[in-house]
Amino acid sequence: MRFFLTLTLYHLLLPLLFIAAFPGWIVKMLQRGGFGTRLGERAAIYTEPNDFEPCGAVHVHAVSVGECMLALKLIREWLTSEPDRRFVLATGTATGHAVATIAEIANLRVTYSPLDFPSMVRRYLSRFQPSQIVLIEGEAWPHLLFACRQSAIPVRLVNARMSPRSARRYRKFVRWIRPLYSTLDLVAIQEPEDRQIWQDLGVAPERIHDTGSLKFDPGSGARPAHRSEFQQMLDALGDGRRAILAASTHAGEEAWIAMAIRHADSNLLPIIVPRHAERRAEVKAALEHAGFEVILRSAFTPARDLTKTCLVIDTTGELRDWIAHAHVVIIGKSFLFTGGQNPCEAILASKPIICGPHMENFQPLAARLVQAGGSILARDPEELSRAIVTALDPQKSKAMIDAASKHLTHHEGATKRIIALLQDREPDTARSYPPAGQP
């Protein structure tokens, strides 16, 4: 009864929430180039005939760019063992859609996930007839989950994570939302200590599996790699200069971090990679106000004054390989914001890492790295400057890299373990639909 009331309230409030969010959503689409990318699919409005859709495919839902990257990693790994398998990647943002489309993976249809209105969800499911839906990390939409339950479509949550803050909030309302999460057919958790919260949320114990993190699994996919194009740019900004890269920064952090880099050593080259490339003008203005000569990756020109140069990577999908060129990596969104960003690619690239005090979204890994000496925690600009000097020391850098690498061992092989679970629990009807292009 309690959940019925909650679902009814959600059903009534959803249109109002959509209306309130719509103007901001339009602005984001304009900034990120979403228009012209089949955006009508968000409302389950499709331009292609139904006959040419990959019915019976595995659908992977990933909202953010980070989740899309994880989804692509999962799909690529799965295709190594089943090259004829068909997938649909449903994303909620224009940037995520662009990242998935640029990947150009065979047998992959990229679409937008439908808004969680019942009529849109029904049209989406009727059109594609998914064999199963795989949610990345935690996007559980009530109407989608219950429509899938009514249509006997399994829904699996992989790389499930629950920050301590989220766990406390969810436990306050657990009796109201338990029926929602009890519809999940499988939950693949990153850490064994997360098992209890998912049981509290209504997932049967036998449906919870500790696979490790898809995000932290080195896997068999692409590793950070040097690109000659990138190296030419760096050489043009001072041959032999050591590069300090700030990864996935948010508003206010760019100048804050760049100043700390300059105070550590004026000959270091700050490389700033904003989390959202469309912030380029804002980032450029903030850095210029702090006294830097800003070079944008998208409009690269040689610097006039190498001592004041700051390179801003304002392109999407290149962070991994820029990390390969850095000498030290600073984790963004961990100083002035809550949550932090993923340190895994820096660890895989064998780079020493520095993070701020706010790595909530990557616990307990972030805390374990600091405790083991695998990363340095800096709380203010002065500490950050000292941490950069420490991380540049060859002996200390090697010790940090070795310690950090050891903490990924629990997650090694997570991708294959997740795929094995999804394959083992696939319905018998999964391959009964006609191939794409046939009615």
Protein backbone atom coordinates (compact mmCIF):
# COMPACT_ATOMS: atom_id res chain seq x y z
CA MET A 1 0.00 0.00 0.00
CA ARG A 2 2.81 2.38 0.95
CA PHE A 3 4.65 1.78 -2.31
CA PHE A 4 1.44 2.13 -4.31
CA LEU A 5 1.02 5.60 -2.80
CA THR A 6 4.66 6.45 -3.56
CA LEU A 7 4.30 5.30 -7.17
CA THR A 8 1.06 7.25 -7.54
CA LEU A 9 2.72 10.39 -6.19
CA TYR A 10 5.67 9.87 -8.57
CA HIS A 11 3.25 9.40 -11.47
CA LEU A 12 1.50 12.68 -10.62
CA LEU A 13 4.63 14.71 -9.97
CA LEU A 14 6.64 13.47 -12.98
CA PRO A 15 5.00 15.89 -15.49
CA LEU A 16 5.60 18.81 -13.13
CA LEU A 17 9.24 17.81 -12.62
CA PHE A 18 9.67 17.49 -16.37
CA ILE A 19 8.21 20.96 -17.00
CA ALA A 20 10.49 22.46 -14.34
CA ALA A 21 13.58 20.76 -15.77
CA PHE A 22 12.75 21.30 -19.44
CA PRO A 23 14.30 24.81 -19.91
CA GLY A 24 17.61 23.71 -18.37
CA TRP A 25 17.56 20.57 -20.47
CA ILE A 26 17.07 22.62 -23.66
CA VAL A 27 20.06 24.80 -22.74
CA LYS A 28 22.22 21.72 -22.20
CA MET A 29 21.17 20.24 -25.53
CA LEU A 30 22.10 23.49 -27.27
CA GLN A 31 25.47 23.57 -25.51
CA ARG A 32 26.25 19.92 -26.20
CA GLY A 33 24.94 19.71 -29.76
CA GLY A 34 22.09 17.35 -28.92
CA PHE A 35 19.68 18.63 -31.54
CA GLY A 36 19.96 16.74 -34.79
CA THR A 37 20.91 13.48 -33.02
CA ARG A 38 17.51 11.76 -33.08
CA LEU A 39 16.60 13.57 -29.88
CA GLY A 40 12.96 12.66 -30.42
CA GLU A 41 13.87 9.18 -29.22
CA ARG A 42 13.83 10.60 -25.69
CA ALA A 43 10.07 10.79 -26.20
CA ALA A 44 10.06 7.37 -27.95
CA ILE A 45 9.52 9.03 -31.34
CA TYR A 46 11.50 7.16 -33.99
CA THR A 47 12.24 8.01 -37.63
CA GLU A 48 13.29 4.57 -38.90
CA PRO A 49 10.81 1.77 -39.70
CA ASN A 50 10.37 -0.82 -36.95
CA ASP A 51 11.50 -3.60 -39.27
CA PHE A 52 15.09 -2.41 -39.19
CA GLU A 53 15.51 -2.34 -35.43
CA PRO A 54 17.58 -5.06 -33.70
CA CYS A 55 14.71 -6.75 -31.86
CA GLY A 56 15.78 -9.13 -29.11
CA ALA A 57 19.08 -7.36 -28.49
CA VAL A 58 20.67 -6.76 -25.10
CA HIS A 59 19.87 -3.20 -24.02
CA VAL A 60 22.41 -1.35 -21.90
CA HIS A 61 21.23 1.86 -20.20
CA ALA A 62 23.91 4.42 -19.36
CA VAL A 63 23.10 8.05 -18.58
CA SER A 64 26.34 9.97 -18.15
CA VAL A 65 29.48 9.96 -20.30
CA GLY A 66 31.30 7.93 -17.64
CA GLU A 67 28.54 5.32 -17.61
CA CYS A 68 28.57 5.23 -21.43
CA MET A 69 32.29 4.50 -21.37
CA LEU A 70 31.64 1.61 -18.98
CA ALA A 71 28.82 0.35 -21.20
CA LEU A 72 31.09 0.42 -24.25
CA LYS A 73 33.73 -1.45 -22.30
CA LEU A 74 31.20 -4.12 -21.35
CA ILE A 75 29.88 -4.42 -24.93
CA ARG A 76 33.34 -4.63 -26.50
CA GLU A 77 34.36 -7.39 -24.08
CA TRP A 78 31.13 -9.30 -24.69
CA LEU A 79 31.63 -9.11 -28.46
CA THR A 80 35.02 -10.80 -28.17
CA SER A 81 33.26 -14.01 -27.15
CA GLU A 82 30.02 -13.48 -29.11
CA PRO A 83 30.84 -11.37 -32.19
CA ASP A 84 27.34 -11.79 -33.63
CA ARG A 85 25.58 -10.59 -30.50
CA ARG A 86 23.47 -7.45 -30.99
CA PHE A 87 23.30 -4.57 -28.53
CA VAL A 88 21.39 -1.35 -28.03
CA LEU A 89 23.01 1.35 -25.94
CA ALA A 90 20.41 3.76 -24.53
CA THR A 91 21.80 6.97 -23.11
CA GLY A 92 20.22 10.02 -21.52
CA THR A 93 22.57 12.79 -22.63
CA ALA A 94 23.74 14.22 -25.94
CA THR A 95 27.37 13.90 -24.86
CA GLY A 96 26.90 10.24 -23.98
CA HIS A 97 25.12 9.69 -27.30
CA ALA A 98 28.06 11.27 -29.15
CA VAL A 99 30.63 9.15 -27.30
CA ALA A 100 28.71 5.94 -28.08
CA THR A 101 28.18 6.90 -31.74
CA ILE A 102 31.82 7.81 -32.31
CA ALA A 103 32.85 4.39 -30.97
CA GLU A 104 31.45 2.81 -34.17
CA ILE A 105 31.02 -0.66 -32.67
CA ALA A 106 29.59 -3.30 -35.00
CA ASN A 107 26.15 -4.64 -34.05
CA LEU A 108 25.50 -1.66 -31.77
CA ARG A 109 22.45 0.58 -32.16
CA VAL A 110 22.78 3.84 -30.21
CA THR A 111 19.56 5.46 -29.06
CA TYR A 112 18.24 7.74 -26.34
CA SER A 113 16.59 6.13 -23.36
CA PRO A 114 12.92 7.08 -23.13
CA LEU A 115 11.70 9.51 -20.52
CA ASP A 116 10.02 7.59 -17.72
CA PHE A 117 6.46 8.29 -18.82
CA PRO A 118 4.38 5.09 -19.12
CA SER A 119 3.36 5.66 -22.77
CA MET A 120 6.94 6.37 -23.85
CA VAL A 121 8.30 3.35 -22.01
CA ARG A 122 5.66 1.11 -23.63
CA ARG A 123 6.50 2.38 -27.14
CA TYR A 124 10.21 1.82 -26.50
CA LEU A 125 9.73 -1.75 -25.26
CA SER A 126 7.25 -2.59 -28.02
CA ARG A 127 9.62 -1.35 -30.70
CA PHE A 128 12.81 -3.06 -29.51
CA GLN A 129 11.55 -6.07 -27.51
CA PRO A 130 14.79 -6.29 -25.47
CA SER A 131 15.98 -9.71 -24.36
CA GLN A 132 17.21 -8.06 -21.18
CA ILE A 133 17.98 -4.57 -19.89
CA VAL A 134 21.30 -3.91 -18.18
CA LEU A 135 21.48 -0.79 -16.02
CA ILE A 136 24.91 0.70 -15.40
CA GLU A 137 25.53 1.74 -11.78
CA GLY A 138 22.10 2.79 -10.57
CA GLU A 139 19.56 4.44 -12.87
CA ALA A 140 16.39 2.66 -11.75
CA TRP A 141 13.28 4.32 -13.20
CA PRO A 142 9.98 3.11 -11.68
CA HIS A 143 7.82 2.99 -14.82
CA LEU A 144 10.54 1.26 -16.82
CA LEU A 145 11.12 -1.38 -14.15
CA PHE A 146 7.46 -2.21 -13.73
CA ALA A 147 6.77 -2.26 -17.46
CA CYS A 148 9.65 -4.71 -17.86
CA ARG A 149 8.26 -6.87 -15.07
CA GLN A 150 4.85 -6.93 -16.80
CA SER A 151 6.50 -7.91 -20.11
CA ALA A 152 8.78 -10.53 -18.49
CA ILE A 153 11.91 -8.64 -19.54
CA PRO A 154 14.74 -9.18 -17.02
CA VAL A 155 16.40 -6.05 -15.64
CA ARG A 156 19.92 -6.36 -14.24
CA LEU A 157 21.94 -3.72 -12.41
CA VAL A 158 25.71 -4.02 -12.86
CA ASN A 159 28.57 -2.13 -11.30
CA ALA A 160 26.09 -1.23 -8.57
CA ARG A 161 27.44 1.30 -6.14
CA MET A 162 26.05 3.02 -3.11
CA SER A 163 27.95 5.83 -1.41
CA PRO A 164 27.61 6.04 2.38
CA ARG A 165 25.59 9.23 1.97
CA SER A 166 23.20 7.60 -0.52
CA ALA A 167 22.90 4.51 1.65
CA ARG A 168 21.83 6.59 4.65
CA ARG A 169 19.27 8.45 2.53
CA TYR A 170 17.86 5.28 0.99
CA ARG A 171 17.55 3.56 4.36
CA LYS A 172 15.28 6.35 5.58
CA PHE A 173 12.78 5.47 2.85
CA VAL A 174 13.53 1.79 2.47
CA ARG A 175 9.97 0.61 3.21
CA TRP A 176 8.64 2.88 0.49
CA ILE A 177 11.08 1.93 -2.26
CA ARG A 178 11.77 -1.75 -1.49
CA PRO A 179 9.16 -2.99 -4.01
CA LEU A 180 10.98 -1.03 -6.75
CA TYR A 181 14.36 -2.64 -6.20
CA SER A 182 12.85 -6.05 -5.57
CA THR A 183 12.00 -6.12 -9.30
CA LEU A 184 15.69 -6.37 -10.20
CA ASP A 185 16.64 -9.83 -11.41
CA LEU A 186 20.33 -9.43 -10.64
CA VAL A 187 22.63 -6.93 -8.92
CA ALA A 188 26.39 -7.09 -9.48
CA ILE A 189 28.10 -5.17 -6.66
CA GLN A 190 31.59 -3.69 -6.63
CA GLU A 191 32.52 -4.39 -3.01
CA PRO A 192 31.38 -7.20 -0.66
CA GLU A 193 30.41 -4.69 2.05
CA ASP A 194 27.71 -3.32 -0.27
CA ARG A 195 25.71 -6.54 -0.10
CA GLN A 196 23.67 -5.58 2.99
CA ILE A 197 22.31 -2.30 1.63
CA TRP A 198 20.98 -4.04 -1.50
CA GLN A 199 19.35 -6.72 0.64
CA ASP A 200 17.78 -3.97 2.74
CA LEU A 201 16.44 -2.44 -0.48
CA GLY A 202 14.61 -5.65 -1.27
CA VAL A 203 16.97 -7.56 -3.58
CA ALA A 204 16.95 -11.27 -2.79
CA PRO A 205 20.35 -12.46 -1.45
CA GLU A 206 20.76 -15.04 -4.22
CA ARG A 207 20.45 -12.27 -6.81
CA ILE A 208 23.38 -10.25 -5.42
CA HIS A 209 26.84 -11.08 -6.77
CA ASP A 210 30.21 -9.58 -5.84
CA THR A 211 31.93 -9.19 -9.21
CA GLY A 212 34.29 -6.31 -8.51
CA SER A 213 34.13 -3.04 -10.39
CA LEU A 214 33.68 -2.76 -14.13
CA LYS A 215 35.19 0.69 -13.73
CA PHE A 216 38.35 -0.51 -12.00
CA ASP A 217 38.87 -3.69 -14.02
CA PRO A 218 41.86 -3.31 -16.35
CA GLY A 219 40.05 -5.69 -18.72
CA SER A 220 41.17 -6.41 -22.25
CA GLY A 221 40.07 -3.06 -23.64
CA ALA A 222 42.16 -0.11 -24.71
CA ARG A 223 44.66 1.23 -22.18
CA PRO A 224 45.87 4.83 -22.02
CA ALA A 225 48.28 5.21 -24.93
CA HIS A 226 50.62 7.85 -26.31
CA ARG A 227 49.49 9.65 -29.46
CA SER A 228 52.00 11.34 -31.72
CA GLU A 229 49.54 14.19 -32.30
CA PHE A 230 49.38 14.89 -28.57
CA GLN A 231 53.14 14.71 -28.17
CA GLN A 232 53.66 17.23 -30.99
CA MET A 233 51.40 19.68 -29.17
CA LEU A 234 53.27 19.19 -25.91
CA ASP A 235 56.64 19.65 -27.63
CA ALA A 236 55.36 22.91 -29.11
CA LEU A 237 54.63 24.11 -25.57
CA GLY A 238 58.16 23.44 -24.37
CA ASP A 239 60.20 20.37 -25.23
CA GLY A 240 60.83 18.23 -22.15
CA ARG A 241 58.44 20.10 -19.82
CA ARG A 242 56.77 17.88 -17.26
CA ALA A 243 53.00 17.90 -17.62
CA ILE A 244 50.63 17.93 -14.64
CA LEU A 245 47.12 16.94 -15.74
CA ALA A 246 43.94 17.84 -13.85
CA ALA A 247 41.30 15.30 -14.90
CA SER A 248 37.55 16.02 -15.16
CA THR A 249 37.55 19.34 -13.35
CA HIS A 250 34.42 21.28 -12.40
CA ALA A 251 33.65 24.99 -12.19
CA GLY A 252 36.07 26.87 -9.94
CA GLU A 253 38.70 24.15 -9.80
CA GLU A 254 40.60 24.99 -12.97
CA ALA A 255 42.33 28.19 -11.86
CA TRP A 256 42.64 26.87 -8.29
CA ILE A 257 44.57 23.79 -9.47
CA ALA A 258 46.57 25.59 -12.17
CA MET A 259 47.85 28.13 -9.62
CA ALA A 260 48.95 25.32 -7.30
CA ILE A 261 50.83 23.70 -10.19
CA ARG A 262 52.61 26.96 -10.98
CA HIS A 263 53.54 27.47 -7.33
CA ALA A 264 55.03 23.96 -7.23
CA ASP A 265 57.34 24.76 -10.17
CA SER A 266 56.90 27.53 -12.74
CA ASN A 267 58.39 25.29 -15.44
CA LEU A 268 55.61 22.68 -15.13
CA LEU A 269 52.93 22.57 -17.83
CA PRO A 270 49.35 22.55 -16.45
CA ILE A 271 46.93 20.52 -18.57
CA ILE A 272 43.30 21.07 -17.62
CA VAL A 273 40.62 18.63 -18.80
CA PRO A 274 37.17 19.99 -17.85
CA ARG A 275 34.47 17.41 -17.17
CA HIS A 276 32.23 19.19 -19.70
CA ALA A 277 33.93 20.43 -22.86
CA GLU A 278 31.22 23.04 -23.48
CA ARG A 279 32.57 25.01 -20.51
CA ARG A 280 35.62 25.98 -22.57
CA ALA A 281 34.86 29.72 -22.63
CA GLU A 282 34.24 29.83 -18.88
CA VAL A 283 37.40 27.83 -18.15
CA LYS A 284 39.50 29.96 -20.50
CA ALA A 285 38.27 33.18 -18.90
CA ALA A 286 38.98 31.95 -15.36
CA LEU A 287 42.51 30.85 -16.25
CA GLU A 288 43.28 34.07 -18.12
CA HIS A 289 42.05 36.04 -15.11
CA ALA A 290 44.58 34.07 -13.04
CA GLY A 291 47.36 35.17 -15.41
CA PHE A 292 47.69 32.17 -17.72
CA GLU A 293 48.00 32.13 -21.49
CA VAL A 294 45.38 29.55 -22.41
CA ILE A 295 45.80 27.22 -25.37
CA LEU A 296 42.66 25.33 -26.38
CA ARG A 297 43.11 21.83 -27.76
CA SER A 298 40.33 22.46 -30.29
CA ALA A 299 42.12 25.52 -31.71
CA PHE A 300 45.75 24.74 -30.95
CA THR A 301 48.38 27.40 -31.59
CA PRO A 302 51.95 27.66 -30.25
CA ALA A 303 52.30 29.62 -27.03
CA ARG A 304 53.78 33.11 -26.91
CA ASP A 305 55.04 32.85 -23.31
CA LEU A 306 55.87 29.29 -22.22
CA THR A 307 56.13 30.29 -18.56
CA LYS A 308 52.43 31.26 -18.52
CA THR A 309 51.03 28.51 -20.73
CA CYS A 310 48.07 26.35 -19.69
CA LEU A 311 46.68 23.76 -22.11
CA VAL A 312 42.92 23.13 -21.91
CA ILE A 313 41.59 19.91 -23.46
CA ASP A 314 38.16 20.99 -24.67
CA THR A 315 37.41 17.87 -26.72
CA THR A 316 35.38 14.81 -25.76
CA GLY A 317 36.69 11.25 -25.42
CA GLU A 318 40.44 12.01 -25.27
CA LEU A 319 41.09 12.08 -21.52
CA ARG A 320 42.41 8.51 -21.35
CA ASP A 321 45.21 9.12 -23.85
CA TRP A 322 46.10 12.56 -22.51
CA ILE A 323 46.66 10.84 -19.16
CA ALA A 324 49.32 8.70 -20.86
CA HIS A 325 51.33 11.89 -21.54
CA ALA A 326 51.11 13.28 -18.00
CA HIS A 327 53.75 12.99 -15.29
CA VAL A 328 51.24 13.45 -12.46
CA VAL A 329 47.43 13.27 -12.51
CA ILE A 330 45.23 15.36 -10.22
CA ILE A 331 41.68 14.05 -9.77
CA GLY A 332 39.01 16.67 -10.42
CA LYS A 333 35.77 17.29 -8.53
CA SER A 334 37.55 16.25 -5.34
CA PHE A 335 38.59 19.66 -3.99
CA LEU A 336 35.67 22.08 -4.23
CA PHE A 337 32.85 19.60 -4.87
CA THR A 338 31.51 16.35 -3.48
CA GLY A 339 32.01 13.06 -5.29
CA GLY A 340 35.34 12.99 -7.05
CA GLN A 341 36.23 11.39 -10.37
CA ASN A 342 37.61 8.02 -11.42
CA PRO A 343 41.33 7.48 -10.61
CA CYS A 344 41.48 4.13 -12.40
CA GLU A 345 42.76 5.23 -15.81
CA ALA A 346 45.63 7.12 -14.20
CA ILE A 347 46.55 4.01 -12.23
CA LEU A 348 46.38 1.88 -15.39
CA ALA A 349 48.65 4.40 -17.12
CA SER A 350 51.15 4.07 -14.24
CA LYS A 351 50.87 7.69 -13.17
CA PRO A 352 51.07 8.97 -9.59
CA ILE A 353 47.77 10.47 -8.51
CA ILE A 354 46.73 13.29 -6.18
CA CYS A 355 43.18 13.76 -4.97
CA GLY A 356 41.29 16.19 -2.80
CA PRO A 357 39.26 15.36 0.32
CA HIS A 358 36.01 14.66 -1.58
CA MET A 359 36.22 11.27 -3.27
CA GLU A 360 32.88 9.99 -1.93
CA ASN A 361 31.82 8.32 -5.19
CA PHE A 362 34.95 6.18 -5.27
CA GLN A 363 35.04 4.82 -1.76
CA PRO A 364 36.41 2.61 -0.34
CA LEU A 365 39.05 2.50 -3.11
CA ALA A 366 40.10 6.15 -2.68
CA ALA A 367 40.63 5.79 1.08
CA ARG A 368 42.55 2.54 0.63
CA LEU A 369 44.83 4.17 -1.94
CA VAL A 370 45.72 6.99 0.46
CA GLN A 371 46.29 4.58 3.36
CA ALA A 372 48.57 2.39 1.26
CA GLY A 373 50.54 5.32 -0.17
CA GLY A 374 49.06 4.80 -3.62
CA SER A 375 47.86 8.41 -3.82
CA ILE A 376 48.38 11.69 -1.98
CA LEU A 377 45.54 13.57 -0.31
CA ALA A 378 45.74 17.37 -0.61
CA ARG A 379 43.22 19.61 1.15
CA ASP A 380 44.29 23.09 0.03
CA PRO A 381 46.49 24.77 -2.60
CA GLU A 382 49.59 24.67 -0.40
CA GLU A 383 49.21 20.94 0.22
CA LEU A 384 48.54 20.40 -3.46
CA SER A 385 51.76 22.20 -4.45
CA ARG A 386 53.76 20.09 -2.00
CA ALA A 387 52.05 16.92 -3.20
CA ILE A 388 53.01 17.69 -6.80
CA VAL A 389 56.67 18.08 -5.83
CA THR A 390 56.51 14.78 -3.93
CA ALA A 391 54.81 12.91 -6.77
CA LEU A 392 57.45 14.11 -9.25
CA ASP A 393 60.26 12.53 -7.24
CA PRO A 394 61.19 9.36 -9.21
CA GLN A 395 61.49 7.04 -6.20
CA LYS A 396 58.32 8.27 -4.53
CA SER A 397 56.48 8.20 -7.84
CA LYS A 398 57.36 4.54 -8.40
CA ALA A 399 56.30 3.60 -4.87
CA MET A 400 52.95 5.32 -5.37
CA ILE A 401 52.35 3.62 -8.71
CA ASP A 402 53.21 0.16 -7.33
CA ALA A 403 50.95 0.61 -4.29
CA ALA A 404 48.04 1.85 -6.39
CA SER A 405 48.32 -1.00 -8.90
CA LYS A 406 48.01 -3.60 -6.14
CA HIS A 407 44.62 -2.20 -5.13
CA LEU A 408 43.08 -2.99 -8.51
CA THR A 409 43.64 -6.74 -8.15
CA HIS A 410 40.23 -7.33 -6.51
CA HIS A 411 38.57 -5.85 -9.59
CA GLU A 412 40.63 -7.61 -12.25
CA GLY A 413 38.36 -9.80 -14.35
CA ALA A 414 35.17 -8.01 -13.20
CA THR A 415 34.01 -7.39 -16.76
CA LYS A 416 34.13 -11.06 -17.69
CA ARG A 417 32.44 -12.07 -14.44
CA ILE A 418 29.59 -9.65 -15.13
CA ILE A 419 29.18 -10.93 -18.69
CA ALA A 420 29.12 -14.53 -17.49
CA LEU A 421 26.29 -13.69 -15.08
CA LEU A 422 24.30 -11.92 -17.79
CA GLN A 423 24.77 -14.81 -20.21
CA ASP A 424 23.88 -17.51 -17.68
CA ARG A 425 20.64 -15.81 -16.73
CA GLU A 426 19.47 -14.89 -20.21
CA PRO A 427 15.92 -15.97 -21.10
CA ASP A 428 15.41 -18.77 -23.60
CA THR A 429 13.63 -16.29 -25.88
CA ALA A 430 16.68 -14.06 -26.15
CA ARG A 431 17.52 -15.12 -29.69
CA SER A 432 14.05 -15.90 -30.97
CA TYR A 433 13.53 -12.54 -32.66
CA PRO A 434 14.30 -11.99 -36.36
CA PRO A 435 17.65 -10.45 -37.37
CA ALA A 436 17.91 -6.71 -37.91
CA GLY A 437 16.49 -5.65 -41.25
CA GLN A 438 13.95 -8.48 -41.45
CA PRO A 439 10.27 -8.10 -40.57
